[in-house]
């Protein structure tokens, strides 16, 4: 670094700031330092720098992936966090520990391989939060527990579900159902499933609507079973909100198999999803786009604030934005009863 500083004609601290983004460096100075690094064949040694600064310059993202791996929606969170970390001179590593594997996660985190941990798929009583907090390991949640006072960023489920219900009610729908994640997610205390369900119930009852929430298996088959239950009931919904990407494919498939037009007879909207996923059905689904990239970046910023100051910033809640792909429309007009007169009687003098 001293050789680079002499070659570039700058202070040693300027070379350090260029490498670590510890403070702003002008574009011209950064270019001069990088040119000198190239000319001298300099490559920073991460291990040596870590010994000197007590920082690994690595952040860990703990994401409990299932057999299917990362979904397109989850990938947006990961990519947003990765880009934010690199912009700030850090690298992001993915730790795919299960949500209930607090012990193994703590074992790795305690080795100092990362300066702090971002947790995804957070439960209301998440054992990972308690384990890391008690060990004094800096963390930030992309999600929320039932406990307050923690550094968190999250989807604003209240605003998002309220917007979806309001949108459909504004189109004249009075029977609006929700297909949520599987029932075992509720038992496990999965935050997104529970928060979305509660927000949907509040939004529906505030408009005088009767909520109808189904928990579907997270698969195409699960979505078809949920559709059958909704459609074969005494009062089938005229609109369905789906908070379950895999089940959405099954729902649309079952509607098509029965010859039910979307949105002519039933409107369908996906929430906390992405247009890339919602666009794979026929027809494409209007979706409330999960702010994955923004939340991933906000999670890194919050974690670095915790690392640099030891303070817990205010929670960051971001709602989903509407992307209208045409799968929602006006509520169908009920057919007149068979014995009802179709035209008013003619009056004779």
Protein backbone atom coordinates (compact mmCIF):
# COMPACT_ATOMS: atom_id res chain seq x y z
CA UNK A 1 0.00 0.00 0.00
CA UNK A 2 2.92 2.34 0.71
CA UNK A 3 4.35 1.59 -2.75
CA UNK A 4 0.96 2.38 -4.31
CA UNK A 5 0.70 5.62 -2.32
CA UNK A 6 4.15 6.79 -3.47
CA UNK A 7 3.46 5.80 -7.09
CA UNK A 8 0.09 7.62 -7.12
CA UNK A 9 1.35 10.60 -5.14
CA UNK A 10 -1.30 10.28 -2.43
CA UNK A 11 -1.39 9.57 1.28
CA UNK A 12 -1.43 6.00 2.56
CA UNK A 13 -4.84 6.69 4.13
CA UNK A 14 -6.19 7.58 0.67
CA UNK A 15 -5.15 4.19 -0.68
CA UNK A 16 -6.82 2.55 2.32
CA UNK A 17 -10.03 4.55 1.79
CA UNK A 18 -10.05 3.61 -1.90
CA UNK A 19 -9.87 -0.07 -1.00
CA UNK A 20 -12.32 -0.08 1.91
CA UNK A 21 -14.74 2.76 1.07
CA UNK A 22 -14.23 3.92 4.66
CA UNK A 23 -14.56 7.53 3.48
CA UNK A 24 -15.38 9.19 0.14
CA UNK A 25 -12.59 9.45 -2.44
CA UNK A 26 -12.96 11.59 -5.54
CA UNK A 27 -13.31 9.80 -8.87
CA UNK A 28 -10.06 11.30 -10.16
CA UNK A 29 -8.08 10.22 -7.09
CA UNK A 30 -9.63 6.76 -7.13
CA UNK A 31 -8.67 6.38 -10.80
CA UNK A 32 -5.07 7.43 -10.03
CA UNK A 33 -4.80 4.92 -7.18
CA UNK A 34 -6.29 2.11 -9.26
CA UNK A 35 -3.91 2.89 -12.14
CA UNK A 36 -0.96 2.62 -9.74
CA UNK A 37 -2.28 -0.65 -8.33
CA UNK A 38 -2.47 -2.08 -11.86
CA UNK A 39 0.99 -0.82 -12.79
CA UNK A 40 2.54 -2.32 -9.65
CA UNK A 41 0.52 -5.54 -9.77
CA UNK A 42 -0.89 -4.84 -6.29
CA UNK A 43 -3.62 -7.13 -4.91
CA UNK A 44 -4.95 -6.47 -1.39
CA UNK A 45 -4.60 -9.39 1.01
CA UNK A 46 -7.95 -9.80 2.73
CA UNK A 47 -6.55 -11.90 5.58
CA UNK A 48 -3.77 -9.41 6.36
CA UNK A 49 -6.19 -6.50 6.22
CA UNK A 50 -8.55 -8.36 8.53
CA UNK A 51 -5.79 -8.86 11.11
CA UNK A 52 -4.99 -5.16 11.03
CA UNK A 53 -8.56 -3.84 11.17
CA UNK A 54 -10.28 -6.60 13.18
CA UNK A 55 -12.75 -6.80 10.30
CA UNK A 56 -13.09 -9.58 7.77
CA UNK A 57 -14.94 -7.23 5.37
CA UNK A 58 -17.36 -10.13 4.89
CA UNK A 59 -21.09 -10.14 5.66
CA UNK A 60 -23.11 -13.35 5.88
CA UNK A 61 -26.67 -13.80 4.63
CA UNK A 62 -28.35 -16.70 6.44
CA UNK A 63 -31.10 -17.98 4.15
CA UNK A 64 -32.80 -21.34 4.89
CA UNK A 65 -33.16 -22.71 1.38
CA UNK A 66 -35.42 -25.65 0.71
CA UNK A 67 -34.91 -28.36 -1.94
CA UNK A 68 -35.99 -25.95 -4.69
CA UNK A 69 -33.21 -23.48 -3.84
CA UNK A 70 -33.64 -19.74 -4.28
CA UNK A 71 -36.85 -18.50 -5.85
CA UNK A 72 -36.74 -15.58 -8.29
CA UNK A 73 -38.26 -13.37 -5.60
CA UNK A 74 -35.72 -14.40 -2.94
CA UNK A 75 -32.90 -13.94 -5.46
CA UNK A 76 -33.76 -10.24 -5.72
CA UNK A 77 -33.13 -9.86 -1.97
CA UNK A 78 -29.79 -11.67 -2.28
CA UNK A 79 -28.63 -9.70 -5.33
CA UNK A 80 -29.61 -6.38 -3.75
CA UNK A 81 -27.65 -7.23 -0.60
CA UNK A 82 -24.65 -8.45 -2.63
CA UNK A 83 -24.47 -5.25 -4.67
CA UNK A 84 -24.82 -3.05 -1.59
CA UNK A 85 -22.07 -4.95 0.23
CA UNK A 86 -19.67 -4.66 -2.71
CA UNK A 87 -20.42 -0.96 -3.08
CA UNK A 88 -19.30 -0.51 0.54
CA UNK A 89 -16.14 -2.58 0.22
CA UNK A 90 -17.56 -5.83 1.62
CA UNK A 91 -18.26 -9.26 0.22
CA UNK A 92 -21.46 -11.19 0.92
CA UNK A 93 -21.48 -14.94 1.55
CA UNK A 94 -24.59 -17.12 1.62
CA UNK A 95 -25.07 -19.46 4.58
CA UNK A 96 -27.97 -21.84 3.77
CA UNK A 97 -28.65 -23.05 7.32
CA UNK A 98 -32.18 -24.21 8.15
CA UNK A 99 -34.35 -21.81 10.12
CA UNK A 100 -34.18 -24.07 13.20
CA UNK A 101 -30.42 -24.70 12.91
CA UNK A 102 -29.40 -21.98 15.37
CA UNK A 103 -26.57 -24.09 16.80
CA UNK A 104 -24.68 -24.75 13.54
CA UNK A 105 -25.22 -21.13 12.46
CA UNK A 106 -23.78 -19.87 15.73
CA UNK A 107 -20.81 -22.24 15.47
CA UNK A 108 -19.81 -20.74 12.12
CA UNK A 109 -20.61 -17.14 13.04
CA UNK A 110 -18.56 -17.36 16.24
CA UNK A 111 -15.43 -18.20 14.22
CA UNK A 112 -15.27 -14.61 13.02
CA UNK A 113 -15.65 -15.56 9.37
CA UNK A 114 -18.09 -12.66 8.92
CA UNK A 115 -18.40 -9.30 10.64
CA UNK A 116 -22.18 -9.60 10.92
CA UNK A 117 -25.15 -11.67 9.83
CA UNK A 118 -28.28 -10.85 7.84
CA UNK A 119 -31.16 -13.22 8.64
CA UNK A 120 -33.91 -14.03 6.11
CA UNK A 121 -37.15 -16.02 6.48
CA UNK A 122 -37.49 -14.76 10.03
CA UNK A 123 -39.98 -16.37 12.44
CA UNK A 124 -41.89 -14.60 15.20
CA UNK A 125 -39.86 -16.54 17.80
CA UNK A 126 -36.71 -17.16 15.77
CA UNK A 127 -34.10 -19.23 17.65
CA UNK A 128 -31.33 -17.84 15.44
CA UNK A 129 -31.97 -14.31 16.71
CA UNK A 130 -31.63 -15.32 20.34
CA UNK A 131 -28.51 -17.41 19.74
CA UNK A 132 -26.65 -14.71 17.81
CA UNK A 133 -27.77 -11.90 20.12
CA UNK A 134 -26.66 -13.74 23.27
CA UNK A 135 -23.27 -14.39 21.63
CA UNK A 136 -22.87 -10.70 20.83
CA UNK A 137 -22.73 -11.24 17.07
CA UNK A 138 -24.03 -8.20 15.12
CA UNK A 139 -27.13 -8.99 13.09
CA UNK A 140 -29.94 -7.47 11.08
CA UNK A 141 -33.25 -9.10 10.22
CA UNK A 142 -34.89 -9.05 6.81
CA UNK A 143 -38.20 -9.73 8.51
CA UNK A 144 -39.45 -9.29 12.07
CA UNK A 145 -39.80 -11.28 15.26
CA UNK A 146 -42.37 -10.66 17.99
CA UNK A 147 -39.58 -8.93 19.93
CA UNK A 148 -38.99 -5.22 19.39
CA UNK A 149 -35.81 -3.22 19.58
CA UNK A 150 -33.95 -5.21 16.92
CA UNK A 151 -32.42 -3.90 13.68
CA UNK A 152 -34.96 -4.86 11.01
CA UNK A 153 -35.95 -4.21 7.42
CA UNK A 154 -39.09 -5.83 6.06
CA UNK A 155 -41.89 -5.82 3.53
CA UNK A 156 -44.74 -3.61 4.69
CA UNK A 157 -47.35 -6.37 4.63
CA UNK A 158 -50.01 -4.12 6.13
CA UNK A 159 -49.74 -1.57 3.32
CA UNK A 160 -49.36 -4.22 0.60
CA UNK A 161 -52.34 -6.41 1.51
CA UNK A 162 -54.48 -3.35 2.17
CA UNK A 163 -53.61 -2.02 -1.30
CA UNK A 164 -54.46 -5.37 -2.93
CA UNK A 165 -57.83 -5.67 -1.17
CA UNK A 166 -58.66 -2.02 -1.88
CA UNK A 167 -57.74 -2.48 -5.55
CA UNK A 168 -60.09 -5.44 -5.98
CA UNK A 169 -62.87 -3.90 -3.91
CA UNK A 170 -62.61 -0.81 -6.09
CA UNK A 171 -63.36 -3.04 -9.08
CA UNK A 172 -66.59 -4.13 -7.42
CA UNK A 173 -65.46 -7.41 -5.87
CA UNK A 174 -67.15 -8.39 -2.60
CA UNK A 175 -65.91 -11.98 -2.31
CA UNK A 176 -62.12 -11.74 -2.19
CA UNK A 177 -60.18 -14.80 -0.99
CA UNK A 178 -56.53 -15.19 0.03
CA UNK A 179 -54.37 -18.23 -0.74
CA UNK A 180 -51.51 -18.08 1.75
CA UNK A 181 -48.52 -20.32 2.43
CA UNK A 182 -48.93 -23.80 3.91
CA UNK A 183 -50.56 -24.25 7.32
CA UNK A 184 -47.35 -25.59 8.87
CA UNK A 185 -45.81 -22.17 8.26
CA UNK A 186 -48.28 -20.69 10.74
CA UNK A 187 -47.47 -23.35 13.32
CA UNK A 188 -43.76 -22.61 12.84
CA UNK A 189 -44.35 -18.89 13.35
CA UNK A 190 -43.22 -17.88 9.84
CA UNK A 191 -43.45 -14.10 9.93
CA UNK A 192 -44.46 -13.34 6.30
CA UNK A 193 -47.28 -15.90 6.33
CA UNK A 194 -48.70 -14.64 9.60
CA UNK A 195 -48.31 -10.92 8.85
CA UNK A 196 -49.89 -11.25 5.41
CA UNK A 197 -52.85 -13.20 6.78
CA UNK A 198 -53.48 -10.71 9.57
CA UNK A 199 -53.19 -7.75 7.21
CA UNK A 200 -55.63 -9.35 4.75
CA UNK A 201 -58.19 -9.95 7.50
CA UNK A 202 -57.92 -6.36 8.75
CA UNK A 203 -58.22 -4.91 5.25
CA UNK A 204 -61.24 -7.08 4.41
CA UNK A 205 -63.19 -6.43 7.60
CA UNK A 206 -62.51 -2.69 7.37
CA UNK A 207 -64.46 -2.72 4.09
CA UNK A 208 -67.26 -4.87 5.47
CA UNK A 209 -66.10 -7.92 3.52
CA UNK A 210 -66.00 -11.47 4.86
CA UNK A 211 -62.40 -12.75 4.73
CA UNK A 212 -61.74 -16.24 3.42
CA UNK A 213 -58.13 -17.41 3.84
CA UNK A 214 -56.82 -20.78 2.66
CA UNK A 215 -53.42 -22.25 3.41
CA UNK A 216 -52.10 -24.16 0.40
CA UNK A 217 -49.19 -26.50 -0.02
CA UNK A 218 -46.32 -24.72 -1.72
CA UNK A 219 -46.65 -26.59 -5.00
CA UNK A 220 -48.75 -26.66 -8.15
CA UNK A 221 -50.80 -29.48 -6.64
CA UNK A 222 -51.37 -27.41 -3.51
CA UNK A 223 -52.65 -24.53 -5.59
CA UNK A 224 -55.07 -26.76 -7.50
CA UNK A 225 -56.46 -28.22 -4.29
CA UNK A 226 -56.99 -24.72 -2.88
CA UNK A 227 -58.74 -23.68 -6.10
CA UNK A 228 -61.04 -26.68 -5.90
CA UNK A 229 -61.99 -25.80 -2.34
CA UNK A 230 -62.71 -22.19 -3.28
CA UNK A 231 -64.63 -22.92 -6.47
CA UNK A 232 -66.71 -25.80 -5.14
CA UNK A 233 -67.95 -23.87 -2.13
CA UNK A 234 -71.40 -22.34 -1.83
CA UNK A 235 -70.10 -18.83 -2.56
CA UNK A 236 -67.11 -18.97 -4.86
CA UNK A 237 -64.92 -15.85 -4.80
CA UNK A 238 -64.85 -13.44 -7.71
CA UNK A 239 -61.27 -12.44 -6.87
CA UNK A 240 -58.28 -14.28 -5.37
CA UNK A 241 -55.10 -12.85 -3.85
CA UNK A 242 -52.18 -15.30 -3.86
CA UNK A 243 -49.34 -15.05 -1.33
CA UNK A 244 -47.77 -18.32 -2.47
CA UNK A 245 -45.85 -18.35 -5.75
CA UNK A 246 -45.89 -22.11 -6.37
CA UNK A 247 -49.59 -22.38 -5.55
CA UNK A 248 -50.35 -19.54 -7.97
CA UNK A 249 -49.43 -21.82 -10.89
CA UNK A 250 -51.85 -24.47 -9.65
CA UNK A 251 -54.65 -21.97 -9.11
CA UNK A 252 -54.39 -20.62 -12.66
CA UNK A 253 -54.13 -24.15 -14.07
CA UNK A 254 -57.31 -25.25 -12.28
CA UNK A 255 -59.21 -22.17 -13.46
CA UNK A 256 -58.13 -22.90 -17.05
CA UNK A 257 -59.13 -26.57 -16.73
CA UNK A 258 -62.63 -25.50 -15.70
CA UNK A 259 -62.90 -22.94 -18.50
CA UNK A 260 -63.10 -20.05 -16.04
CA UNK A 261 -61.86 -16.84 -17.66
CA UNK A 262 -59.30 -14.61 -15.93
CA UNK A 263 -60.17 -11.83 -15.31
CA UNK A 264 -63.59 -12.06 -16.95
CA UNK A 265 -65.05 -14.40 -14.33
CA UNK A 266 -62.38 -14.46 -11.60
CA UNK A 267 -59.69 -11.86 -10.97
CA UNK A 268 -56.32 -13.10 -9.68
CA UNK A 269 -53.53 -11.04 -8.12
CA UNK A 270 -50.18 -12.12 -6.70
CA UNK A 271 -48.62 -10.31 -3.74
CA UNK A 272 -45.00 -10.20 -2.53
CA UNK A 273 -43.88 -11.75 -5.81
CA UNK A 274 -42.09 -10.50 -8.92
CA UNK A 275 -43.30 -9.79 -12.47
CA UNK A 276 -40.73 -12.36 -13.65
CA UNK A 277 -42.59 -15.08 -11.72
CA UNK A 278 -46.10 -13.73 -12.22
CA UNK A 279 -45.44 -13.44 -15.95
CA UNK A 280 -44.94 -17.19 -16.29
CA UNK A 281 -48.64 -18.04 -15.92
CA UNK A 282 -51.29 -17.80 -18.62
CA UNK A 283 -52.52 -15.15 -18.36
CA UNK A 284 -49.72 -13.22 -16.58
CA UNK A 285 -50.75 -12.17 -13.08
CA UNK A 286 -51.05 -8.63 -11.84
CA UNK A 287 -48.61 -8.52 -8.94
CA UNK A 288 -47.53 -6.41 -6.01
CA UNK A 289 -43.78 -6.57 -6.64
CA UNK A 290 -41.73 -7.48 -3.57
CA UNK A 291 -39.08 -4.76 -2.93
CA UNK A 292 -36.34 -7.39 -2.76
CA UNK A 293 -33.46 -5.34 -4.13
CA UNK A 294 -34.30 -2.29 -2.01
CA UNK A 295 -34.69 -4.39 1.15
CA UNK A 296 -31.47 -6.28 0.48
CA UNK A 297 -29.61 -2.99 0.19
CA UNK A 298 -31.37 -1.56 3.24
CA UNK A 299 -30.43 -4.68 5.21
CA UNK A 300 -26.74 -4.19 4.44
CA UNK A 301 -26.91 -0.47 5.29
CA UNK A 302 -28.60 -1.27 8.61
CA UNK A 303 -26.09 -3.98 9.49
CA UNK A 304 -23.15 -1.67 8.72
CA UNK A 305 -24.71 1.01 10.92
CA UNK A 306 -24.88 -1.53 13.75
CA UNK A 307 -21.24 -2.49 13.12
CA UNK A 308 -19.96 1.08 12.91
CA UNK A 309 -21.97 2.71 15.68
CA UNK A 310 -23.36 -0.04 17.88
CA UNK A 311 -26.76 1.66 17.55
CA UNK A 312 -30.03 0.12 16.34
CA UNK A 313 -31.54 2.21 13.52
CA UNK A 314 -35.27 2.71 13.12
CA UNK A 315 -37.05 -0.18 11.34
CA UNK A 316 -37.29 0.09 7.56
CA UNK A 317 -40.63 -1.04 6.07
CA UNK A 318 -41.15 -0.94 2.30
CA UNK A 319 -44.44 -1.74 0.58
CA UNK A 320 -44.79 -3.68 -2.67
CA UNK A 321 -45.44 -1.76 -5.88
CA UNK A 322 -48.32 -2.63 -8.21
CA UNK A 323 -47.40 -4.06 -11.61
CA UNK A 324 -50.65 -4.45 -13.55
CA UNK A 325 -50.35 -7.35 -15.99
CA UNK A 326 -54.08 -7.48 -16.73
CA UNK A 327 -55.36 -10.35 -14.56
CA UNK A 328 -57.72 -8.20 -12.49
CA UNK A 329 -60.91 -6.64 -13.79
CA UNK A 330 -64.40 -5.61 -12.82
CA UNK A 331 -66.45 -8.04 -10.77
CA UNK A 332 -68.77 -10.11 -12.96
CA UNK A 333 -72.40 -9.03 -13.02
CA UNK A 334 -74.62 -11.74 -11.45
CA UNK A 335 -76.92 -13.57 -13.83
CA UNK A 336 -80.61 -12.78 -13.22
CA UNK A 337 -82.62 -15.52 -11.52
CA UNK A 338 -84.34 -17.99 -13.87
CA UNK A 339 -87.85 -16.90 -12.83
CA UNK A 340 -87.07 -13.18 -12.87
CA UNK A 341 -88.56 -11.13 -15.74
CA UNK A 342 -85.83 -10.12 -18.17
CA UNK A 343 -87.78 -7.03 -19.38
CA UNK A 344 -90.17 -4.77 -17.52
CA UNK A 345 -93.86 -5.54 -18.23
CA UNK A 346 -95.55 -3.48 -20.93
CA UNK A 347 -98.32 -1.23 -19.65
CA UNK A 348 -101.54 -1.15 -21.74
CA UNK A 349 -104.11 1.60 -21.59
